[in-house]
C-alpha atoms as a PDB file:
ATOM      1  CA  MET A   1      95.842 115.863  82.441  1.00  0.00           C
ATOM      2  CA  LYS A   2      96.486 113.952  85.674  1.00  0.00           C
ATOM      3  CA  GLN A   3      95.062 110.474  85.789  1.00  0.00           C
ATOM      4  CA  PHE A   4      95.634 106.951  87.114  1.00  0.00           C
ATOM      5  CA  THR A   5      94.090 103.566  86.426  1.00  0.00           C
ATOM      6  CA  VAL A   6      92.481 101.199  88.932  1.00  0.00           C
ATOM      7  CA  VAL A   7      91.811  97.554  88.067  1.00  0.00           C
ATOM      8  CA  ALA A   8      90.083  94.923  90.191  1.00  0.00           C
ATOM      9  CA  LEU A   9      91.227  91.367  89.499  1.00  0.00           C
ATOM     10  CA  GLU A  10      88.169  89.357  88.508  1.00  0.00           C
ATOM     11  CA  ASN A  11      87.556  85.693  89.421  1.00  0.00           C
ATOM     12  CA  PHE A  12      90.070  85.656  92.241  1.00  0.00           C
ATOM     13  CA  PRO A  13      90.138  82.085  93.602  1.00  0.00           C
ATOM     14  CA  LEU A  14      89.049  81.212  97.123  1.00  0.00           C
ATOM     15  CA  VAL A  15      92.031  81.263  99.488  1.00  0.00           C
ATOM     16  CA  GLU A  16      92.931  78.362 101.768  1.00  0.00           C
ATOM     17  CA  SER A  17      95.454  78.066 104.545  1.00  0.00           C
ATOM     18  CA  GLY A  18      98.987  77.754 103.142  1.00  0.00           C
ATOM     19  CA  ASP A  19      98.209  79.360  99.786  1.00  0.00           C
ATOM     20  CA  ASP A  20     100.806  81.648  98.162  1.00  0.00           C
ATOM     21  CA  VAL A  21      99.074  85.033  97.878  1.00  0.00           C
ATOM     22  CA  ALA A  22     101.681  86.555  95.568  1.00  0.00           C
ATOM     23  CA  GLU A  23     101.445  83.594  93.185  1.00  0.00           C
ATOM     24  CA  MET A  24      97.631  83.843  93.181  1.00  0.00           C
ATOM     25  CA  ILE A  25      97.802  87.555  92.394  1.00  0.00           C
ATOM     26  CA  VAL A  26     100.210  87.096  89.496  1.00  0.00           C
ATOM     27  CA  GLU A  27      98.283  84.158  88.038  1.00  0.00           C
ATOM     28  CA  THR A  28      94.942  85.970  88.340  1.00  0.00           C
ATOM     29  CA  ALA A  29      96.416  89.133  86.774  1.00  0.00           C
ATOM     30  CA  ASN A  30      97.682  87.021  83.841  1.00  0.00           C
ATOM     31  CA  LYS A  31      94.236  85.499  83.397  1.00  0.00           C
ATOM     32  CA  ASN A  32      92.743  89.002  83.438  1.00  0.00           C
ATOM     33  CA  GLY A  33      95.190  90.069  80.738  1.00  0.00           C
ATOM     34  CA  LEU A  34      96.781  92.575  83.104  1.00  0.00           C
ATOM     35  CA  ILE A  35     100.557  93.114  83.008  1.00  0.00           C
ATOM     36  CA  ILE A  36     102.126  93.892  86.374  1.00  0.00           C
ATOM     37  CA  GLU A  37     104.611  96.755  85.977  1.00  0.00           C
ATOM     38  CA  ASP A  38     107.176  98.634  88.049  1.00  0.00           C
ATOM     39  CA  GLY A  39     105.461 101.225  90.245  1.00  0.00           C
ATOM     40  CA  ASP A  40     102.095  99.432  90.445  1.00  0.00           C
ATOM     41  CA  VAL A  41     100.409  99.619  93.850  1.00  0.00           C
ATOM     42  CA  VAL A  42      98.699  96.336  94.772  1.00  0.00           C
ATOM     43  CA  VAL A  43      95.959  96.638  97.401  1.00  0.00           C
ATOM     44  CA  VAL A  44      94.885  93.378  99.057  1.00  0.00           C
ATOM     45  CA  ALA A  45      91.998  92.804 101.495  1.00  0.00           C
ATOM     46  CA  GLN A  46      93.397  91.604 104.806  1.00  0.00           C
ATOM     47  CA  LYS A  47      91.135  88.549 104.866  1.00  0.00           C
ATOM     48  CA  ILE A  48      93.108  87.081 101.978  1.00  0.00           C
ATOM     49  CA  PHE A  49      96.193  87.006 104.173  1.00  0.00           C
ATOM     50  CA  SER A  50      94.228  85.920 107.240  1.00  0.00           C
ATOM     51  CA  LYS A  51      92.985  82.824 105.392  1.00  0.00           C
ATOM     52  CA  ALA A  52      96.354  82.035 103.761  1.00  0.00           C
ATOM     53  CA  GLU A  53      98.131  82.420 107.104  1.00  0.00           C
ATOM     54  CA  GLY A  54      95.724  80.120 108.955  1.00  0.00           C
ATOM     55  CA  ARG A  55      94.200  82.910 110.982  1.00  0.00           C
ATOM     56  CA  VAL A  56      90.663  81.448 110.895  1.00  0.00           C
ATOM     57  CA  VAL A  57      89.303  80.248 114.265  1.00  0.00           C
ATOM     58  CA  GLN A  58      86.385  77.966 115.077  1.00  0.00           C
ATOM     59  CA  LEU A  59      84.407  79.624 117.881  1.00  0.00           C
ATOM     60  CA  ARG A  60      83.341  76.327 119.468  1.00  0.00           C
ATOM     61  CA  ASP A  61      87.001  75.577 120.276  1.00  0.00           C
ATOM     62  CA  VAL A  62      87.431  78.790 122.345  1.00  0.00           C
ATOM     63  CA  VAL A  63      87.353  78.564 126.138  1.00  0.00           C
ATOM     64  CA  PRO A  64      86.269  81.891 127.668  1.00  0.00           C
ATOM     65  CA  SER A  65      88.199  83.337 130.626  1.00  0.00           C
ATOM     66  CA  LYS A  66      86.588  84.919 133.659  1.00  0.00           C
ATOM     67  CA  GLU A  67      87.348  88.353 132.212  1.00  0.00           C
ATOM     68  CA  ALA A  68      85.675  87.405 128.931  1.00  0.00           C
ATOM     69  CA  VAL A  69      82.548  86.345 130.800  1.00  0.00           C
ATOM     70  CA  GLU A  70      82.428  89.673 132.624  1.00  0.00           C
ATOM     71  CA  VAL A  71      82.983  91.710 129.465  1.00  0.00           C
ATOM     72  CA  ALA A  72      80.337  89.619 127.683  1.00  0.00           C
ATOM     73  CA  LYS A  73      77.785  90.684 130.310  1.00  0.00           C
ATOM     74  CA  LEU A  74      78.572  94.343 129.559  1.00  0.00           C
ATOM     75  CA  THR A  75      78.412  93.997 125.792  1.00  0.00           C
ATOM     76  CA  GLY A  76      75.795  91.273 125.231  1.00  0.00           C
ATOM     77  CA  LYS A  77      78.285  89.398 123.073  1.00  0.00           C
ATOM     78  CA  SER A  78      79.189  85.726 123.271  1.00  0.00           C
ATOM     79  CA  PRO A  79      81.836  85.039 125.969  1.00  0.00           C
ATOM     80  CA  LYS A  80      83.715  82.900 123.430  1.00  0.00           C
ATOM     81  CA  PHE A  81      83.792  85.756 120.939  1.00  0.00           C
ATOM     82  CA  VAL A  82      84.898  88.184 123.628  1.00  0.00           C
ATOM     83  CA  GLU A  83      87.730  85.815 124.539  1.00  0.00           C
ATOM     84  CA  LEU A  84      88.923  85.956 120.935  1.00  0.00           C
ATOM     85  CA  VAL A  85      88.903  89.764 121.106  1.00  0.00           C
ATOM     86  CA  LEU A  86      90.803  89.818 124.408  1.00  0.00           C
ATOM     87  CA  LYS A  87      93.490  87.516 123.100  1.00  0.00           C
ATOM     88  CA  GLU A  88      94.032  89.812 120.155  1.00  0.00           C
ATOM     89  CA  SER A  89      94.085  93.006 122.253  1.00  0.00           C
ATOM     90  CA  ASN A  90      96.475  95.020 124.415  1.00  0.00           C
ATOM     91  CA  LYS A  91      93.688  96.883 126.197  1.00  0.00           C
ATOM     92  CA  ILE A  92      89.962  97.569 126.138  1.00  0.00           C
ATOM     93  CA  LEU A  93      89.133 101.215 125.427  1.00  0.00           C
ATOM     94  CA  LYS A  94      85.382 100.964 125.698  1.00  0.00           C
ATOM     95  CA  ALA A  95      82.986  98.075 126.448  1.00  0.00           C
ATOM     96  CA  SER A  96      79.238  98.694 126.227  1.00  0.00           C
ATOM     97  CA  ARG A  97      76.108  97.383 124.559  1.00  0.00           C
ATOM     98  CA  GLU A  98      77.001  99.560 121.544  1.00  0.00           C
ATOM     99  CA  VAL A  99      80.645  98.737 121.075  1.00  0.00           C
ATOM    100  CA  LEU A 100      83.703  96.735 122.145  1.00  0.00           C
ATOM    101  CA  LEU A 101      86.551  99.040 121.190  1.00  0.00           C
ATOM    102  CA  VAL A 102      90.122  97.907 121.771  1.00  0.00           C
ATOM    103  CA  GLU A 103      93.719  98.683 121.041  1.00  0.00           C
ATOM    104  CA  ASP A 104      94.838  95.460 119.406  1.00  0.00           C
ATOM    105  CA  LYS A 105      98.217  93.707 119.604  1.00  0.00           C
ATOM    106  CA  ARG A 106      99.444  95.646 116.596  1.00  0.00           C
ATOM    107  CA  GLY A 107      98.550  99.026 118.146  1.00  0.00           C
ATOM    108  CA  LEU A 108      95.505  99.422 115.936  1.00  0.00           C
ATOM    109  CA  VAL A 109      92.428 100.936 117.562  1.00  0.00           C
ATOM    110  CA  CYS A 110      89.388  99.081 116.250  1.00  0.00           C
ATOM    111  CA  ILE A 111      86.081  97.435 117.078  1.00  0.00           C
ATOM    112  CA  ASN A 112      86.286  93.743 118.085  1.00  0.00           C
ATOM    113  CA  ALA A 113      90.046  93.711 117.368  1.00  0.00           C
ATOM    114  CA  GLY A 114      89.152  93.453 113.679  1.00  0.00           C
ATOM    115  CA  ILE A 115      87.713  89.955 114.111  1.00  0.00           C
ATOM    116  CA  ASP A 116      85.159  89.302 111.440  1.00  0.00           C
ATOM    117  CA  LYS A 117      82.764  86.638 110.106  1.00  0.00           C
ATOM    118  CA  SER A 118      81.972  88.089 106.691  1.00  0.00           C
ATOM    119  CA  ASN A 119      83.278  86.144 103.672  1.00  0.00           C
ATOM    120  CA  VAL A 120      84.562  83.369 105.939  1.00  0.00           C
ATOM    121  CA  LYS A 121      83.411  79.886 104.997  1.00  0.00           C
ATOM    122  CA  GLY A 122      81.969  77.632 107.716  1.00  0.00           C
ATOM    123  CA  ARG A 123      79.465  78.229 110.465  1.00  0.00           C
ATOM    124  CA  GLY A 124      81.149  79.569 113.606  1.00  0.00           C
ATOM    125  CA  ASN A 125      84.379  80.403 111.830  1.00  0.00           C
ATOM    126  CA  PHE A 126      85.900  83.859 112.406  1.00  0.00           C
ATOM    127  CA  ALA A 127      88.910  85.496 110.775  1.00  0.00           C
ATOM    128  CA  LEU A 128      91.508  87.192 112.912  1.00  0.00           C
ATOM    129  CA  LEU A 129      93.683  89.937 111.463  1.00  0.00           C
ATOM    130  CA  PRO A 130      97.058  88.852 110.094  1.00  0.00           C
ATOM    131  CA  GLU A 131      99.632  88.483 112.889  1.00  0.00           C
ATOM    132  CA  ASN A 132     101.870  91.126 111.250  1.00  0.00           C
ATOM    133  CA  PRO A 133     100.191  92.893 108.302  1.00  0.00           C
ATOM    134  CA  ASP A 134     103.446  94.679 107.361  1.00  0.00           C
ATOM    135  CA  GLU A 135     105.241  91.346 107.108  1.00  0.00           C
ATOM    136  CA  SER A 136     102.328  89.947 105.070  1.00  0.00           C
ATOM    137  CA  ALA A 137     102.731  92.899 102.683  1.00  0.00           C
ATOM    138  CA  ARG A 138     106.525  92.487 102.505  1.00  0.00           C
ATOM    139  CA  LYS A 139     106.314  88.752 101.679  1.00  0.00           C
ATOM    140  CA  CYS A 140     103.703  89.430  99.030  1.00  0.00           C
ATOM    141  CA  ARG A 141     105.771  92.202  97.496  1.00  0.00           C
ATOM    142  CA  ALA A 142     108.901  89.987  97.452  1.00  0.00           C
ATOM    143  CA  GLY A 143     106.868  87.157  95.920  1.00  0.00           C
ATOM    144  CA  ILE A 144     105.559  89.341  93.122  1.00  0.00           C
ATOM    145  CA  LYS A 145     109.095  90.586  92.454  1.00  0.00           C
ATOM    146  CA  LYS A 146     110.367  86.988  92.264  1.00  0.00           C
ATOM    147  CA  LEU A 147     107.662  85.946  89.850  1.00  0.00           C
ATOM    148  CA  THR A 148     107.566  89.028  87.612  1.00  0.00           C
ATOM    149  CA  GLY A 149     110.831  90.907  88.171  1.00  0.00           C
ATOM    150  CA  LYS A 150     108.799  94.027  88.887  1.00  0.00           C
ATOM    151  CA  ASP A 151     109.013  96.358  91.833  1.00  0.00           C
ATOM    152  CA  VAL A 152     105.545  97.029  93.189  1.00  0.00           C
ATOM    153  CA  ALA A 153     104.144  98.401  96.428  1.00  0.00           C
ATOM    154  CA  VAL A 154     101.636  96.399  98.493  1.00  0.00           C
ATOM    155  CA  ILE A 155      98.961  97.691 100.834  1.00  0.00           C
ATOM    156  CA  VAL A 156      96.999  95.407 103.130  1.00  0.00           C
ATOM    157  CA  CYS A 157      93.596  96.983 103.879  1.00  0.00           C
ATOM    158  CA  ASP A 158      90.619  96.548 106.132  1.00  0.00           C
ATOM    159  CA  THR A 159      87.352  98.400 106.738  1.00  0.00           C
ATOM    160  CA  TYR A 160      86.760 100.450 109.910  1.00  0.00           C
ATOM    161  CA  SER A 161      84.345 102.922 111.407  1.00  0.00           C
ATOM    162  CA  ARG A 162      85.476 106.519 111.921  1.00  0.00           C
ATOM    163  CA  PRO A 163      85.051 108.858 114.886  1.00  0.00           C
ATOM    164  CA  PHE A 164      82.097 111.216 114.553  1.00  0.00           C
ATOM    165  CA  ARG A 165      81.159 109.939 111.082  1.00  0.00           C
ATOM    166  CA  ARG A 166      78.595 107.414 109.848  1.00  0.00           C
ATOM    167  CA  GLY A 167      79.688 104.576 107.627  1.00  0.00           C
ATOM    168  CA  GLN A 168      82.918 102.701 107.231  1.00  0.00           C
ATOM    169  CA  VAL A 169      86.042 103.283 105.129  1.00  0.00           C
ATOM    170  CA  ASN A 170      88.899 101.110 103.999  1.00  0.00           C
ATOM    171  CA  PHE A 171      92.179 101.817 105.762  1.00  0.00           C
ATOM    172  CA  ALA A 172      95.765 100.550 105.310  1.00  0.00           C
ATOM    173  CA  ILE A 173      96.850  98.208 108.092  1.00  0.00           C
ATOM    174  CA  GLY A 174     100.009  96.874 106.427  1.00  0.00           C
ATOM    175  CA  VAL A 175     102.371  98.358 103.822  1.00  0.00           C
ATOM    176  CA  ALA A 176     105.472  97.435 101.846  1.00  0.00           C
ATOM    177  CA  GLY A 177     107.377  99.544  99.357  1.00  0.00           C
ATOM    178  CA  ILE A 178     105.398 102.772  99.763  1.00  0.00           C
ATOM    179  CA  LYS A 179     105.553 105.782 102.083  1.00  0.00           C
ATOM    180  CA  ASN A 180     102.490 106.236 104.235  1.00  0.00           C
ATOM    181  CA  PHE A 181     102.279 110.002 103.929  1.00  0.00           C
ATOM    182  CA  ARG A 182     102.414 112.798 101.412  1.00  0.00           C
ATOM    183  CA  ASP A 183     103.820 115.597 103.511  1.00  0.00           C
ATOM    184  CA  TYR A 184     102.905 119.165 102.529  1.00  0.00           C
ATOM    185  CA  ARG A 185     104.189 120.796 105.733  1.00  0.00           C
ATOM    186  CA  GLY A 186     106.522 123.668 104.983  1.00  0.00           C
ATOM    187  CA  LYS A 187     105.260 124.020 101.402  1.00  0.00           C
ATOM    188  CA  LYS A 188     103.315 127.005 100.094  1.00  0.00           C
ATOM    189  CA  ASP A 189      99.684 126.959  99.040  1.00  0.00           C
ATOM    190  CA  PHE A 190      98.212 128.664  95.992  1.00  0.00           C
ATOM    191  CA  PHE A 191      98.402 132.049  97.723  1.00  0.00           C
ATOM    192  CA  GLY A 192     101.875 131.620  99.161  1.00  0.00           C
ATOM    193  CA  GLN A 193     100.855 130.695 102.676  1.00  0.00           C
ATOM    194  CA  ILE A 194     103.045 128.119 104.480  1.00  0.00           C
ATOM    195  CA  LEU A 195     101.206 124.859 105.222  1.00  0.00           C
ATOM    196  CA  LYS A 196     101.679 123.728 108.818  1.00  0.00           C
ATOM    197  CA  VAL A 197      99.601 120.567 109.395  1.00  0.00           C
ATOM    198  CA  LYS A 198      98.882 118.996 106.000  1.00  0.00           C
ATOM    199  CA  ASN A 199     100.401 115.492 106.173  1.00  0.00           C
ATOM    200  CA  VAL A 200      98.132 113.315 104.062  1.00  0.00           C
ATOM    201  CA  ALA A 201      97.819 109.604 104.806  1.00  0.00           C
ATOM    202  CA  VAL A 202      98.094 108.683 101.137  1.00  0.00           C
ATOM    203  CA  VAL A 203      98.060 104.923 101.781  1.00  0.00           C
ATOM    204  CA  ASP A 204      94.642 105.288 103.504  1.00  0.00           C
ATOM    205  CA  GLU A 205      93.386 107.297 100.538  1.00  0.00           C
ATOM    206  CA  ILE A 206      94.497 104.515  98.171  1.00  0.00           C
ATOM    207  CA  ALA A 207      92.905 101.871 100.354  1.00  0.00           C
ATOM    208  CA  ALA A 208      89.623 103.806 100.417  1.00  0.00           C
ATOM    209  CA  ALA A 209      89.677 104.171  96.617  1.00  0.00           C
ATOM    210  CA  ALA A 210      90.354 100.448  96.250  1.00  0.00           C
ATOM    211  CA  GLU A 211      87.215  99.600  98.233  1.00  0.00           C
ATOM    212  CA  LEU A 212      85.067 101.150  95.447  1.00  0.00           C
ATOM    213  CA  LEU A 213      86.017  98.124  93.302  1.00  0.00           C
ATOM    214  CA  MET A 214      86.546  95.571  96.064  1.00  0.00           C
ATOM    215  CA  GLY A 215      83.127  95.916  97.651  1.00  0.00           C
ATOM    216  CA  GLN A 216      82.084  94.214 100.882  1.00  0.00           C
ATOM    217  CA  ALA A 217      79.707  91.443  99.848  1.00  0.00           C
ATOM    218  CA  LYS A 218      80.082  88.746  97.136  1.00  0.00           C
ATOM    219  CA  GLU A 219      82.006  90.727  94.557  1.00  0.00           C
ATOM    220  CA  ALA A 220      84.993  88.308  94.834  1.00  0.00           C
ATOM    221  CA  THR A 221      87.492  91.048  93.886  1.00  0.00           C
ATOM    222  CA  PRO A 222      89.759  91.272  96.944  1.00  0.00           C
ATOM    223  CA  VAL A 223      92.799  92.525  94.976  1.00  0.00           C
ATOM    224  CA  VAL A 224      92.925  95.891  93.250  1.00  0.00           C
ATOM    225  CA  ILE A 225      95.909  97.240  91.278  1.00  0.00           C
ATOM    226  CA  PHE A 226      96.655 100.925  90.786  1.00  0.00           C
ATOM    227  CA  LYS A 227      98.718 102.130  87.831  1.00  0.00           C
ATOM    228  CA  GLY A 228     100.056 105.618  87.319  1.00  0.00           C
ATOM    229  CA  LEU A 229     100.436 106.728  90.921  1.00  0.00           C
ATOM    230  CA  SER A 230     104.176 107.428  90.759  1.00  0.00           C
ATOM    231  CA  SER A 231     103.571 111.170  90.584  1.00  0.00           C
ATOM    232  CA  VAL A 232     101.624 111.281  93.825  1.00  0.00           C
ATOM    233  CA  VAL A 233     103.254 108.616  96.007  1.00  0.00           C
ATOM    234  CA  GLU A 234     106.800 107.896  97.086  1.00  0.00           C
ATOM    235  CA  PHE A 235     108.227 104.391  97.109  1.00  0.00           C
ATOM    236  CA  CYS A 236     110.548 103.146  99.838  1.00  0.00           C
ATOM    237  CA  GLU A 237     112.166  99.968 101.132  1.00  0.00           C
ATOM    238  CA  LYS A 238     111.572 100.420 104.868  1.00  0.00           C
ATOM    239  CA  CYS A 239     108.012 101.370 105.723  1.00  0.00           C
ATOM    240  CA  SER A 240     105.495 100.330 108.400  1.00  0.00           C
ATOM    241  CA  ALA A 241     101.815 100.923 108.874  1.00  0.00           C
ATOM    242  CA  SER A 242     102.613 101.534 112.541  1.00  0.00           C
ATOM    243  CA  GLU A 243     103.581 105.059 111.481  1.00  0.00           C
ATOM    244  CA  LEU A 244      99.868 105.651 110.956  1.00  0.00           C
ATOM    245  CA  TYR A 245      98.908 104.720 114.515  1.00  0.00           C
ATOM    246  CA  ILE A 246      98.537 107.661 116.897  1.00  0.00           C
ATOM    247  CA  SER A 247      99.661 107.661 120.473  1.00  0.00           C
ATOM    248  CA  SER A 248      97.222 108.172 123.345  1.00  0.00           C
ATOM    249  CA  ASP A 249      98.834 111.531 124.036  1.00  0.00           C
ATOM    250  CA  GLU A 250      98.160 112.753 120.498  1.00  0.00           C
ATOM    251  CA  ASP A 251      94.722 111.125 120.043  1.00  0.00           C
ATOM    252  CA  LEU A 252      91.907 113.722 120.051  1.00  0.00           C
ATOM    253  CA  PHE A 253      89.160 111.145 120.463  1.00  0.00           C
ATOM    254  CA  ARG A 254      90.077 108.765 123.305  1.00  0.00           C
ATOM    255  CA  SER A 255      89.174 111.322 125.966  1.00  0.00           C
ATOM    256  CA  ALA A 256      85.665 111.389 124.506  1.00  0.00           C
ATOM    257  CA  LEU A 257      85.060 107.694 125.078  1.00  0.00           C
END
C-alpha cells in the first residue's frame, strides 16, 4: 500500500531578522520528537525566510514615485504600497480596481508582487518575498545537512490565486534538492496509449498538501515535513523554481488579461 507521512512542526518560534532558519527547524523538530532523515522533504512558508532575511518593510518609510501615484489612482491602493510593488516587479500585467497583477523580479506572475501583511508583526509592516527563494532553500538545506548529517530537500512555498478558479493554493517558489516535475511524457497509460503532455509539477503538489497543515491564520505551523516521498519524487543537486515559470509565448492566460 502506497503511503507517506506529513508532520507539521508545532510551537515554531517567532522569527526575527538574522535568525538561522535551518537551526530553528532542527531544534523545533527535536522538541517535537521528530527525527529528520535522508529523503525528507521540508516545506517552509516563504514568510519565515522573509523575516529572517530582513525583508520586512515599514510602509511609512516608502516614498511613492510619480508612476506609483498614477497606478494607485487606477487601483485604489495606497501610493506607498504601490511603490513597494513596483520596486519588486519587472512589469505590470494588469492594474485595475480588482487587481494589481505583475511579473515580479524573480519572474513569478502574482498579485501585488507577493507583498503581504498577514502574520507580520507591527502596524504598517509588510513582508516582501525573499530576494532569491532558491538560494533561501539551498542555504536551509545545507544548514540542515550540517546540523543533522542528513540529505533533505527544501521547498519554499507561498499562496496564490489561480486563473479561472476560485480560492488560493500553495505553490513552490523556491526549491533545493528536488526535481520540480514528474515527467510522464513518452510513457504508456493503463491502456497502452503514449502520454504526450503529462508533466506534473510535483513540487507544487507537495506545497499544496503542506498547506493543509500549515494553515493561513494563527496556526503557527509554518514548517511541514514529508516522509516517504522517495518513490514519487526525484532528488537532485541543481534545481531551480524558475523552471516552473512559463514564458509569455507559452502562457495561455496572459492574452485574456
